[in-house]
């Protein structure tokens, strides 16, 4: 799942949400809101099917594999508060998610690729794991190489839709993101019925 390379427009149409943000995938959802496939008509899924679709939304949106999602679920279930909220907040604190949401990349897939190639530093140290969990006080910077800085400046110049995060301060001139706190339930960017997913995974 974390290395899904198939047609992204198909996933958007199947799940009925803008999961992948690339131009072709988003336009396909606007143009044809029905699920992919010949003679396919929208129909109400069973409870099991609905829960499975919500689970797939989380996996595709954040680039998680089944084992990684299960690990997040186990960690969230041991914390205080709503398990579903804790799971999504862990996903929001991922490095690849923050790199995308501050506007340094066009998509999360692009953010994951840049992180895996060592384009970013956290507190001056190279981090090549997209799943890195950010904490208050962490500072994300682009590696000090002219070609990389030009690359991300060019991406930002194209008008990438950076959402802006209340818990992360971003300086576009220096391309520096500083984590000032932890996200809350209102900071979750994915519209998903997470309680259905928790019930599904608790079986």
C-alpha atoms as a PDB file:
ATOM      1  CA  UNK A   1       0.000   0.000   0.000  1.00  0.00           C
ATOM      2  CA  UNK A   2       2.757   2.479   0.866  1.00  0.00           C
ATOM      3  CA  UNK A   3       4.196   1.981  -2.617  1.00  0.00           C
ATOM      4  CA  UNK A   4       0.940   2.080  -4.555  1.00  0.00           C
ATOM      5  CA  UNK A   5       1.766   3.009  -8.156  1.00  0.00           C
ATOM      6  CA  UNK A   6      -1.515   2.202  -9.884  1.00  0.00           C
ATOM      7  CA  UNK A   7      -3.999   4.671 -11.389  1.00  0.00           C
ATOM      8  CA  UNK A   8      -4.769   7.246  -8.707  1.00  0.00           C
ATOM      9  CA  UNK A   9      -7.913   8.501 -10.422  1.00  0.00           C
ATOM     10  CA  UNK A  10      -9.404   5.033  -9.988  1.00  0.00           C
ATOM     11  CA  UNK A  11      -8.823   5.178  -6.227  1.00  0.00           C
ATOM     12  CA  UNK A  12     -10.411   8.620  -5.965  1.00  0.00           C
ATOM     13  CA  UNK A  13     -13.485   7.459  -7.843  1.00  0.00           C
ATOM     14  CA  UNK A  14     -13.721   4.176  -5.961  1.00  0.00           C
ATOM     15  CA  UNK A  15     -13.555   5.851  -2.550  1.00  0.00           C
ATOM     16  CA  UNK A  16     -15.526   8.922  -3.597  1.00  0.00           C
ATOM     17  CA  UNK A  17     -13.002  11.370  -2.118  1.00  0.00           C
ATOM     18  CA  UNK A  18     -10.011  13.426  -3.205  1.00  0.00           C
ATOM     19  CA  UNK A  19      -7.457  11.007  -1.756  1.00  0.00           C
ATOM     20  CA  UNK A  20      -4.733  11.631  -4.352  1.00  0.00           C
ATOM     21  CA  UNK A  21      -4.146  15.253  -5.300  1.00  0.00           C
ATOM     22  CA  UNK A  22      -2.487  14.972  -8.706  1.00  0.00           C
ATOM     23  CA  UNK A  23      -4.210  16.888 -11.515  1.00  0.00           C
ATOM     24  CA  UNK A  24      -5.419  13.862 -13.453  1.00  0.00           C
ATOM     25  CA  UNK A  25      -6.746  12.118 -10.358  1.00  0.00           C
ATOM     26  CA  UNK A  26      -8.661  15.167  -9.128  1.00  0.00           C
ATOM     27  CA  UNK A  27     -10.140  15.986 -12.550  1.00  0.00           C
ATOM     28  CA  UNK A  28     -11.313  12.403 -13.029  1.00  0.00           C
ATOM     29  CA  UNK A  29     -13.258  12.604  -9.764  1.00  0.00           C
ATOM     30  CA  UNK A  30     -14.941  15.827 -10.885  1.00  0.00           C
ATOM     31  CA  UNK A  31     -15.705  14.454 -14.335  1.00  0.00           C
ATOM     32  CA  UNK A  32     -16.946  11.004 -13.379  1.00  0.00           C
ATOM     33  CA  UNK A  33     -18.097  10.688  -9.773  1.00  0.00           C
ATOM     34  CA  UNK A  34     -19.318   7.106 -10.257  1.00  0.00           C
ATOM     35  CA  UNK A  35     -17.054   4.152  -9.356  1.00  0.00           C
ATOM     36  CA  UNK A  36     -14.736   2.843 -12.099  1.00  0.00           C
ATOM     37  CA  UNK A  37     -15.700  -0.134 -14.257  1.00  0.00           C
ATOM     38  CA  UNK A  38     -18.275  -0.927 -16.920  1.00  0.00           C
ATOM     39  CA  UNK A  39     -21.933  -0.897 -15.884  1.00  0.00           C
ATOM     40  CA  UNK A  40     -20.998   0.174 -12.368  1.00  0.00           C
ATOM     41  CA  UNK A  41     -23.647   2.128 -10.529  1.00  0.00           C
ATOM     42  CA  UNK A  42     -23.402   3.795  -7.140  1.00  0.00           C
ATOM     43  CA  UNK A  43     -24.985   1.599  -4.494  1.00  0.00           C
ATOM     44  CA  UNK A  44     -25.144   1.583  -0.759  1.00  0.00           C
ATOM     45  CA  UNK A  45     -22.431  -0.713   0.634  1.00  0.00           C
ATOM     46  CA  UNK A  46     -22.938  -3.079   3.544  1.00  0.00           C
ATOM     47  CA  UNK A  47     -21.669  -2.093   6.989  1.00  0.00           C
ATOM     48  CA  UNK A  48     -18.593  -4.217   6.374  1.00  0.00           C
ATOM     49  CA  UNK A  49     -18.037  -2.635   2.957  1.00  0.00           C
ATOM     50  CA  UNK A  50     -18.487   0.897   4.305  1.00  0.00           C
ATOM     51  CA  UNK A  51     -15.968   0.277   7.102  1.00  0.00           C
ATOM     52  CA  UNK A  52     -13.495  -1.222   4.640  1.00  0.00           C
ATOM     53  CA  UNK A  53     -13.774   1.830   2.375  1.00  0.00           C
ATOM     54  CA  UNK A  54     -13.137   4.199   5.290  1.00  0.00           C
ATOM     55  CA  UNK A  55     -10.102   2.148   6.244  1.00  0.00           C
ATOM     56  CA  UNK A  56      -8.788   2.314   2.681  1.00  0.00           C
ATOM     57  CA  UNK A  57      -9.172   6.085   2.727  1.00  0.00           C
ATOM     58  CA  UNK A  58      -6.751   6.315   5.647  1.00  0.00           C
ATOM     59  CA  UNK A  59      -4.280   3.883   4.078  1.00  0.00           C
ATOM     60  CA  UNK A  60      -4.187   5.585   0.687  1.00  0.00           C
ATOM     61  CA  UNK A  61      -4.304   9.152   1.993  1.00  0.00           C
ATOM     62  CA  UNK A  62      -1.399   8.782   4.411  1.00  0.00           C
ATOM     63  CA  UNK A  63       0.451   6.098   2.438  1.00  0.00           C
ATOM     64  CA  UNK A  64       0.174   3.393   5.101  1.00  0.00           C
ATOM     65  CA  UNK A  65       0.524  -0.333   4.769  1.00  0.00           C
ATOM     66  CA  UNK A  66      -1.697  -2.748   6.685  1.00  0.00           C
ATOM     67  CA  UNK A  67       1.002  -3.537   9.239  1.00  0.00           C
ATOM     68  CA  UNK A  68       1.801   0.131   9.804  1.00  0.00           C
ATOM     69  CA  UNK A  69      -1.867   1.040  10.255  1.00  0.00           C
ATOM     70  CA  UNK A  70      -2.244  -1.811  12.732  1.00  0.00           C
ATOM     71  CA  UNK A  71       0.751  -0.508  14.671  1.00  0.00           C
ATOM     72  CA  UNK A  72      -0.769   2.961  14.800  1.00  0.00           C
ATOM     73  CA  UNK A  73      -4.038   1.443  16.005  1.00  0.00           C
ATOM     74  CA  UNK A  74      -2.284  -0.493  18.776  1.00  0.00           C
ATOM     75  CA  UNK A  75      -0.438   2.633  19.946  1.00  0.00           C
ATOM     76  CA  UNK A  76      -3.586   4.768  19.794  1.00  0.00           C
ATOM     77  CA  UNK A  77      -5.604   2.218  21.797  1.00  0.00           C
ATOM     78  CA  UNK A  78      -3.103   2.492  24.656  1.00  0.00           C
ATOM     79  CA  UNK A  79      -3.433   6.272  24.893  1.00  0.00           C
ATOM     80  CA  UNK A  80      -6.024   8.276  26.783  1.00  0.00           C
ATOM     81  CA  UNK A  81      -8.952   9.703  24.896  1.00  0.00           C
ATOM     82  CA  UNK A  82     -10.744   8.667  21.735  1.00  0.00           C
ATOM     83  CA  UNK A  83      -8.795   5.944  19.930  1.00  0.00           C
ATOM     84  CA  UNK A  84      -9.902   7.120  16.499  1.00  0.00           C
ATOM     85  CA  UNK A  85      -8.801  10.693  17.126  1.00  0.00           C
ATOM     86  CA  UNK A  86      -5.451   9.532  18.480  1.00  0.00           C
ATOM     87  CA  UNK A  87      -4.871   7.383  15.399  1.00  0.00           C
ATOM     88  CA  UNK A  88      -5.555  10.252  12.994  1.00  0.00           C
ATOM     89  CA  UNK A  89      -3.442  12.676  15.014  1.00  0.00           C
ATOM     90  CA  UNK A  90      -0.511  10.270  14.779  1.00  0.00           C
ATOM     91  CA  UNK A  91      -0.994  10.263  11.009  1.00  0.00           C
ATOM     92  CA  UNK A  92      -1.103  14.070  10.941  1.00  0.00           C
ATOM     93  CA  UNK A  93       2.224  14.250  12.785  1.00  0.00           C
ATOM     94  CA  UNK A  94       3.988  12.251  10.077  1.00  0.00           C
ATOM     95  CA  UNK A  95       6.827  14.136   8.403  1.00  0.00           C
ATOM     96  CA  UNK A  96       5.511  13.553   4.882  1.00  0.00           C
ATOM     97  CA  UNK A  97       2.097  14.926   5.828  1.00  0.00           C
ATOM     98  CA  UNK A  98       3.544  18.130   7.300  1.00  0.00           C
ATOM     99  CA  UNK A  99       5.887  18.679   4.343  1.00  0.00           C
ATOM    100  CA  UNK A 100       2.872  18.480   2.044  1.00  0.00           C
ATOM    101  CA  UNK A 101       0.519  20.570   4.151  1.00  0.00           C
ATOM    102  CA  UNK A 102       2.902  23.514   4.568  1.00  0.00           C
ATOM    103  CA  UNK A 103       3.128  23.670   0.764  1.00  0.00           C
ATOM    104  CA  UNK A 104       6.650  22.392   0.027  1.00  0.00           C
ATOM    105  CA  UNK A 105       5.301  19.711  -2.319  1.00  0.00           C
ATOM    106  CA  UNK A 106       2.254  19.224  -4.506  1.00  0.00           C
ATOM    107  CA  UNK A 107       1.277  15.815  -3.127  1.00  0.00           C
ATOM    108  CA  UNK A 108       2.091  13.475  -0.258  1.00  0.00           C
ATOM    109  CA  UNK A 109       3.623  11.048  -2.730  1.00  0.00           C
ATOM    110  CA  UNK A 110       6.060  13.756  -3.786  1.00  0.00           C
ATOM    111  CA  UNK A 111       6.803  14.536  -0.134  1.00  0.00           C
ATOM    112  CA  UNK A 112       7.538  10.867   0.607  1.00  0.00           C
ATOM    113  CA  UNK A 113       9.887  10.650  -2.357  1.00  0.00           C
ATOM    114  CA  UNK A 114      11.812  13.764  -1.303  1.00  0.00           C
ATOM    115  CA  UNK A 115      12.145  12.555   2.286  1.00  0.00           C
ATOM    116  CA  UNK A 116      13.304   9.092   1.204  1.00  0.00           C
ATOM    117  CA  UNK A 117      15.982  10.739  -0.955  1.00  0.00           C
ATOM    118  CA  UNK A 118      17.276  12.753   2.005  1.00  0.00           C
ATOM    119  CA  UNK A 119      16.103  16.200   0.903  1.00  0.00           C
ATOM    120  CA  UNK A 120      15.033  17.303   4.390  1.00  0.00           C
ATOM    121  CA  UNK A 121      16.637  17.805   7.776  1.00  0.00           C
ATOM    122  CA  UNK A 122      15.059  17.784  11.221  1.00  0.00           C
ATOM    123  CA  UNK A 123      16.990  19.802  13.783  1.00  0.00           C
ATOM    124  CA  UNK A 124      19.945  19.657  11.393  1.00  0.00           C
ATOM    125  CA  UNK A 125      19.920  15.859  11.158  1.00  0.00           C
ATOM    126  CA  UNK A 126      19.093  13.888   8.021  1.00  0.00           C
ATOM    127  CA  UNK A 127      15.812  11.988   8.260  1.00  0.00           C
ATOM    128  CA  UNK A 128      14.777   9.674   5.424  1.00  0.00           C
ATOM    129  CA  UNK A 129      11.689   8.105   6.990  1.00  0.00           C
ATOM    130  CA  UNK A 130       8.381   9.652   5.824  1.00  0.00           C
ATOM    131  CA  UNK A 131       6.668   8.174   8.903  1.00  0.00           C
ATOM    132  CA  UNK A 132       8.849  10.149  11.341  1.00  0.00           C
ATOM    133  CA  UNK A 133       6.652  11.452  14.167  1.00  0.00           C
ATOM    134  CA  UNK A 134       7.212  15.166  14.703  1.00  0.00           C
ATOM    135  CA  UNK A 135       7.297  16.656  18.179  1.00  0.00           C
ATOM    136  CA  UNK A 136       7.042  20.223  19.507  1.00  0.00           C
ATOM    137  CA  UNK A 137      10.301  22.056  18.918  1.00  0.00           C
ATOM    138  CA  UNK A 138      11.309  20.124  15.790  1.00  0.00           C
ATOM    139  CA  UNK A 139      12.565  22.291  12.934  1.00  0.00           C
ATOM    140  CA  UNK A 140      12.239  21.031   9.351  1.00  0.00           C
ATOM    141  CA  UNK A 141      14.589  22.478   6.747  1.00  0.00           C
ATOM    142  CA  UNK A 142      15.510  21.685   3.150  1.00  0.00           C
ATOM    143  CA  UNK A 143      19.000  20.254   2.723  1.00  0.00           C
ATOM    144  CA  UNK A 144      21.459  23.076   2.069  1.00  0.00           C
ATOM    145  CA  UNK A 145      22.121  22.359  -1.591  1.00  0.00           C
ATOM    146  CA  UNK A 146      21.378  24.892  -4.302  1.00  0.00           C
ATOM    147  CA  UNK A 147      19.712  22.397  -6.636  1.00  0.00           C
ATOM    148  CA  UNK A 148      17.329  21.186  -3.925  1.00  0.00           C
ATOM    149  CA  UNK A 149      16.479  24.672  -2.733  1.00  0.00           C
ATOM    150  CA  UNK A 150      15.809  25.725  -6.325  1.00  0.00           C
ATOM    151  CA  UNK A 151      13.634  22.638  -6.787  1.00  0.00           C
ATOM    152  CA  UNK A 152      11.365  23.371  -3.825  1.00  0.00           C
ATOM    153  CA  UNK A 153      11.317  27.103  -4.478  1.00  0.00           C
ATOM    154  CA  UNK A 154      10.120  26.277  -7.986  1.00  0.00           C
ATOM    155  CA  UNK A 155       7.381  24.034  -6.609  1.00  0.00           C
ATOM    156  CA  UNK A 156       6.220  26.757  -4.236  1.00  0.00           C
ATOM    157  CA  UNK A 157       6.331  29.340  -7.060  1.00  0.00           C
ATOM    158  CA  UNK A 158       3.807  27.242  -8.980  1.00  0.00           C
ATOM    159  CA  UNK A 159       1.221  28.127  -6.377  1.00  0.00           C
ATOM    160  CA  UNK A 160       1.032  24.892  -4.426  1.00  0.00           C
ATOM    161  CA  UNK A 161      -1.978  24.887  -2.144  1.00  0.00           C
ATOM    162  CA  UNK A 162      -0.429  24.949   1.304  1.00  0.00           C
ATOM    163  CA  UNK A 163      -3.176  24.544   3.889  1.00  0.00           C
ATOM    164  CA  UNK A 164      -1.406  26.291   6.732  1.00  0.00           C
ATOM    165  CA  UNK A 165      -1.195  24.619  10.117  1.00  0.00           C
ATOM    166  CA  UNK A 166      -1.899  26.274  13.445  1.00  0.00           C
ATOM    167  CA  UNK A 167       0.563  23.972  15.167  1.00  0.00           C
ATOM    168  CA  UNK A 168       3.377  24.493  12.625  1.00  0.00           C
ATOM    169  CA  UNK A 169       4.968  27.851  11.776  1.00  0.00           C
ATOM    170  CA  UNK A 170       6.265  27.996   8.197  1.00  0.00           C
ATOM    171  CA  UNK A 171       8.694  30.591   6.811  1.00  0.00           C
ATOM    172  CA  UNK A 172       8.401  30.447   3.021  1.00  0.00           C
ATOM    173  CA  UNK A 173      11.534  32.564   2.471  1.00  0.00           C
ATOM    174  CA  UNK A 174      13.847  30.188   4.319  1.00  0.00           C
ATOM    175  CA  UNK A 175      11.595  27.161   3.681  1.00  0.00           C
ATOM    176  CA  UNK A 176      11.689  26.330   7.377  1.00  0.00           C
ATOM    177  CA  UNK A 177       8.838  24.715   9.297  1.00  0.00           C
ATOM    178  CA  UNK A 178       8.865  24.815  13.098  1.00  0.00           C
ATOM    179  CA  UNK A 179       6.588  22.528  15.097  1.00  0.00           C
ATOM    180  CA  UNK A 180       5.055  24.642  17.861  1.00  0.00           C
ATOM    181  CA  UNK A 181       2.631  22.168  19.359  1.00  0.00           C
ATOM    182  CA  UNK A 182       0.616  19.078  18.607  1.00  0.00           C
ATOM    183  CA  UNK A 183      -2.391  18.830  16.276  1.00  0.00           C
ATOM    184  CA  UNK A 184      -5.941  18.671  17.552  1.00  0.00           C
ATOM    185  CA  UNK A 185      -9.075  17.001  16.131  1.00  0.00           C
ATOM    186  CA  UNK A 186      -9.866  20.076  14.009  1.00  0.00           C
ATOM    187  CA  UNK A 187      -6.455  19.824  12.302  1.00  0.00           C
ATOM    188  CA  UNK A 188      -7.198  16.442  10.701  1.00  0.00           C
ATOM    189  CA  UNK A 189      -7.285  16.990   6.933  1.00  0.00           C
ATOM    190  CA  UNK A 190      -8.992  13.748   5.894  1.00  0.00           C
ATOM    191  CA  UNK A 191     -12.808  13.524   6.078  1.00  0.00           C
ATOM    192  CA  UNK A 192     -13.286   9.974   7.302  1.00  0.00           C
ATOM    193  CA  UNK A 193     -15.566   8.103   9.705  1.00  0.00           C
ATOM    194  CA  UNK A 194     -12.721   6.908  11.884  1.00  0.00           C
ATOM    195  CA  UNK A 195     -14.983   5.391  14.552  1.00  0.00           C
ATOM    196  CA  UNK A 196     -16.210   2.900  11.933  1.00  0.00           C
ATOM    197  CA  UNK A 197     -12.588   2.017  11.206  1.00  0.00           C
ATOM    198  CA  UNK A 198     -11.828   1.502  14.905  1.00  0.00           C
ATOM    199  CA  UNK A 199     -14.816  -0.823  15.286  1.00  0.00           C
ATOM    200  CA  UNK A 200     -13.701  -2.713  12.190  1.00  0.00           C
ATOM    201  CA  UNK A 201     -10.127  -3.143  13.458  1.00  0.00           C
ATOM    202  CA  UNK A 202     -11.252  -4.094  16.974  1.00  0.00           C
ATOM    203  CA  UNK A 203     -12.921  -7.299  15.790  1.00  0.00           C
END
